C-alpha cells in the first residue's frame, strides 16, 4: 500500500533513491505512487538477483534494512522502466551471473506492485 512508504521522511528518501529518481517521482501527478512503485521494483530486483541461481553462493549479503540506492529505476527512451545497478548490488549481480534485469511497475489509487526478472 502506498501509505507504507513515508515520502515525508527525507532520510529514507535520500538513503533509498538516487537524485534522478527523486526528481522523476516529484514531477509525477502522484509522487507517492511513483516512489512506492520504485520501492517495490527495487525489492523485486533484490529477489531476482538473489534467486537467479539458487545452488550458488548467496550473493545478497546485506540485511533487509539495507539501503536500496544502488538499485536505480530510470525511464528508458521507450517509456519503460529500466534497471541500473551500482556499487555492491552491481557486484552481487555480476557474482550471480546476472546480465540483465527487467522490471515492470504498476500502481493505482492506494496500491503499487512490481516484478523483476533477471537473466
C-alpha atoms as a PDB file:
ATOM      1  CA  UNK A   1       0.000   0.000   0.000  1.00  0.00           C
ATOM      2  CA  UNK A   2       1.199   3.486  -0.755  1.00  0.00           C
ATOM      3  CA  UNK A   3       0.785   4.563   2.851  1.00  0.00           C
ATOM      4  CA  UNK A   4       3.516   2.081   3.860  1.00  0.00           C
ATOM      5  CA  UNK A   5       6.159   4.280   2.227  1.00  0.00           C
ATOM      6  CA  UNK A   6       6.728   7.542   4.078  1.00  0.00           C
ATOM      7  CA  UNK A   7       7.867  10.001   1.425  1.00  0.00           C
ATOM      8  CA  UNK A   8       7.943  12.793   4.020  1.00  0.00           C
ATOM      9  CA  UNK A   9      10.936  11.088   5.679  1.00  0.00           C
ATOM     10  CA  UNK A  10      13.879  12.785   3.913  1.00  0.00           C
ATOM     11  CA  UNK A  11      16.413  10.364   5.396  1.00  0.00           C
ATOM     12  CA  UNK A  12      14.504   7.404   3.966  1.00  0.00           C
ATOM     13  CA  UNK A  13      14.237   9.060   0.540  1.00  0.00           C
ATOM     14  CA  UNK A  14      17.918  10.049   0.383  1.00  0.00           C
ATOM     15  CA  UNK A  15      19.019   6.610   1.575  1.00  0.00           C
ATOM     16  CA  UNK A  16      16.990   4.673  -0.981  1.00  0.00           C
ATOM     17  CA  UNK A  17      16.531   6.831  -4.093  1.00  0.00           C
ATOM     18  CA  UNK A  18      19.024   8.479  -6.416  1.00  0.00           C
ATOM     19  CA  UNK A  19      18.748  12.184  -7.256  1.00  0.00           C
ATOM     20  CA  UNK A  20      17.465  11.230 -10.707  1.00  0.00           C
ATOM     21  CA  UNK A  21      14.724   9.032  -9.202  1.00  0.00           C
ATOM     22  CA  UNK A  22      13.705  11.716  -6.717  1.00  0.00           C
ATOM     23  CA  UNK A  23      13.438  14.336  -9.453  1.00  0.00           C
ATOM     24  CA  UNK A  24      11.379  11.984 -11.639  1.00  0.00           C
ATOM     25  CA  UNK A  25       8.976  10.969  -8.849  1.00  0.00           C
ATOM     26  CA  UNK A  26       8.434  14.556  -7.709  1.00  0.00           C
ATOM     27  CA  UNK A  27       7.417  15.571 -11.260  1.00  0.00           C
ATOM     28  CA  UNK A  28       4.704  12.892 -11.478  1.00  0.00           C
ATOM     29  CA  UNK A  29       0.986  13.579 -10.898  1.00  0.00           C
ATOM     30  CA  UNK A  30       1.105  11.205  -7.899  1.00  0.00           C
ATOM     31  CA  UNK A  31       4.631  11.319  -6.438  1.00  0.00           C
ATOM     32  CA  UNK A  32       3.680   8.955  -3.629  1.00  0.00           C
ATOM     33  CA  UNK A  33       2.664   6.267  -6.118  1.00  0.00           C
ATOM     34  CA  UNK A  34       5.868   6.790  -8.093  1.00  0.00           C
ATOM     35  CA  UNK A  35       8.117   6.472  -5.037  1.00  0.00           C
ATOM     36  CA  UNK A  36       6.211   3.405  -3.837  1.00  0.00           C
ATOM     37  CA  UNK A  37       6.301   1.753  -7.255  1.00  0.00           C
ATOM     38  CA  UNK A  38      10.050   2.243  -7.408  1.00  0.00           C
ATOM     39  CA  UNK A  39      10.428   0.835  -3.898  1.00  0.00           C
ATOM     40  CA  UNK A  40       8.508  -2.279  -4.982  1.00  0.00           C
ATOM     41  CA  UNK A  41      10.711  -2.556  -8.080  1.00  0.00           C
ATOM     42  CA  UNK A  42      13.898  -2.293  -6.020  1.00  0.00           C
ATOM     43  CA  UNK A  43      12.679  -5.059  -3.699  1.00  0.00           C
ATOM     44  CA  UNK A  44      11.818  -7.212  -6.714  1.00  0.00           C
ATOM     45  CA  UNK A  45      15.290  -6.630  -8.174  1.00  0.00           C
ATOM     46  CA  UNK A  46      16.918  -7.819  -4.925  1.00  0.00           C
ATOM     47  CA  UNK A  47      14.958 -11.061  -5.148  1.00  0.00           C
ATOM     48  CA  UNK A  48      15.574 -11.530  -8.876  1.00  0.00           C
ATOM     49  CA  UNK A  49      19.322 -11.070  -8.443  1.00  0.00           C
ATOM     50  CA  UNK A  50      19.450 -13.240  -5.308  1.00  0.00           C
ATOM     51  CA  UNK A  51      17.498 -16.100  -6.815  1.00  0.00           C
ATOM     52  CA  UNK A  52      18.941 -16.433 -10.308  1.00  0.00           C
ATOM     53  CA  UNK A  53      20.982 -19.483  -9.297  1.00  0.00           C
ATOM     54  CA  UNK A  54      19.749 -20.915  -6.014  1.00  0.00           C
ATOM     55  CA  UNK A  55      22.517 -23.528  -5.928  1.00  0.00           C
ATOM     56  CA  UNK A  56      25.232 -20.847  -5.962  1.00  0.00           C
ATOM     57  CA  UNK A  57      26.676 -18.967  -3.022  1.00  0.00           C
ATOM     58  CA  UNK A  58      24.361 -16.326  -1.539  1.00  0.00           C
ATOM     59  CA  UNK A  59      25.025 -13.001  -3.263  1.00  0.00           C
ATOM     60  CA  UNK A  60      22.770 -10.607  -1.338  1.00  0.00           C
ATOM     61  CA  UNK A  61      24.622 -10.357   1.953  1.00  0.00           C
ATOM     62  CA  UNK A  62      23.087  -7.129   3.197  1.00  0.00           C
ATOM     63  CA  UNK A  63      20.199  -7.285   5.617  1.00  0.00           C
ATOM     64  CA  UNK A  64      16.590  -6.396   4.892  1.00  0.00           C
ATOM     65  CA  UNK A  65      17.144  -2.853   6.202  1.00  0.00           C
ATOM     66  CA  UNK A  66      19.959  -2.175   3.724  1.00  0.00           C
ATOM     67  CA  UNK A  67      19.620   0.995   1.663  1.00  0.00           C
ATOM     68  CA  UNK A  68      18.464   0.391  -1.897  1.00  0.00           C
ATOM     69  CA  UNK A  69      20.053   3.438  -3.528  1.00  0.00           C
ATOM     70  CA  UNK A  70      22.399   1.167  -5.547  1.00  0.00           C
ATOM     71  CA  UNK A  71      19.352  -0.077  -7.453  1.00  0.00           C
ATOM     72  CA  UNK A  72      18.198   2.708  -9.718  1.00  0.00           C
ATOM     73  CA  UNK A  73      14.981   2.617 -11.713  1.00  0.00           C
ATOM     74  CA  UNK A  74      15.124   5.000 -14.656  1.00  0.00           C
ATOM     75  CA  UNK A  75      12.852   5.552 -17.622  1.00  0.00           C
ATOM     76  CA  UNK A  76      14.163   4.292 -20.963  1.00  0.00           C
ATOM     77  CA  UNK A  77      13.584   6.185 -24.178  1.00  0.00           C
ATOM     78  CA  UNK A  78      10.684   3.809 -24.866  1.00  0.00           C
ATOM     79  CA  UNK A  79       8.993   4.966 -21.648  1.00  0.00           C
ATOM     80  CA  UNK A  80       9.519   1.609 -19.920  1.00  0.00           C
ATOM     81  CA  UNK A  81      11.257   1.362 -16.543  1.00  0.00           C
ATOM     82  CA  UNK A  82      14.863   0.255 -16.751  1.00  0.00           C
ATOM     83  CA  UNK A  83      17.167  -1.065 -14.022  1.00  0.00           C
ATOM     84  CA  UNK A  84      20.631   0.415 -13.479  1.00  0.00           C
ATOM     85  CA  UNK A  85      22.760  -1.274 -10.823  1.00  0.00           C
ATOM     86  CA  UNK A  86      25.567   0.439  -8.923  1.00  0.00           C
ATOM     87  CA  UNK A  87      28.118  -0.440  -6.241  1.00  0.00           C
ATOM     88  CA  UNK A  88      27.612  -3.542  -4.124  1.00  0.00           C
ATOM     89  CA  UNK A  89      24.403  -4.510  -5.896  1.00  0.00           C
ATOM     90  CA  UNK A  90      26.145  -4.447  -9.270  1.00  0.00           C
ATOM     91  CA  UNK A  91      28.924  -6.607  -7.800  1.00  0.00           C
ATOM     92  CA  UNK A  92      26.383  -9.062  -6.367  1.00  0.00           C
ATOM     93  CA  UNK A  93      24.620  -9.298  -9.722  1.00  0.00           C
ATOM     94  CA  UNK A  94      27.909  -9.978 -11.507  1.00  0.00           C
ATOM     95  CA  UNK A  95      28.788 -12.625  -8.921  1.00  0.00           C
ATOM     96  CA  UNK A  96      25.402 -14.281  -9.523  1.00  0.00           C
ATOM     97  CA  UNK A  97      25.941 -14.227 -13.279  1.00  0.00           C
ATOM     98  CA  UNK A  98      23.145 -11.725 -13.901  1.00  0.00           C
ATOM     99  CA  UNK A  99      23.496  -9.956 -17.240  1.00  0.00           C
ATOM    100  CA  UNK A 100      20.162  -8.148 -17.381  1.00  0.00           C
ATOM    101  CA  UNK A 101      17.323  -7.283 -15.032  1.00  0.00           C
ATOM    102  CA  UNK A 102      13.944  -6.345 -16.460  1.00  0.00           C
ATOM    103  CA  UNK A 103      11.286  -4.741 -14.290  1.00  0.00           C
ATOM    104  CA  UNK A 104       7.619  -3.877 -14.579  1.00  0.00           C
ATOM    105  CA  UNK A 105       5.867  -1.423 -12.242  1.00  0.00           C
ATOM    106  CA  UNK A 106       2.169  -0.748 -11.779  1.00  0.00           C
ATOM    107  CA  UNK A 107       0.230   1.416  -9.364  1.00  0.00           C
ATOM    108  CA  UNK A 108      -3.352   2.523  -8.812  1.00  0.00           C
ATOM    109  CA  UNK A 109      -5.055   4.541  -6.095  1.00  0.00           C
ATOM    110  CA  UNK A 110      -3.569   3.046  -2.932  1.00  0.00           C
ATOM    111  CA  UNK A 111      -1.527   0.090  -4.227  1.00  0.00           C
ATOM    112  CA  UNK A 112       1.740  -0.434  -6.076  1.00  0.00           C
ATOM    113  CA  UNK A 113       3.312  -3.614  -7.380  1.00  0.00           C
ATOM    114  CA  UNK A 114       6.423  -4.546  -9.325  1.00  0.00           C
ATOM    115  CA  UNK A 115       8.045  -7.631 -10.708  1.00  0.00           C
ATOM    116  CA  UNK A 116      11.604  -8.224 -11.849  1.00  0.00           C
ATOM    117  CA  UNK A 117      13.230 -10.937 -13.909  1.00  0.00           C
ATOM    118  CA  UNK A 118      16.966 -11.475 -14.105  1.00  0.00           C
ATOM    119  CA  UNK A 119      18.855 -13.489 -16.663  1.00  0.00           C
END
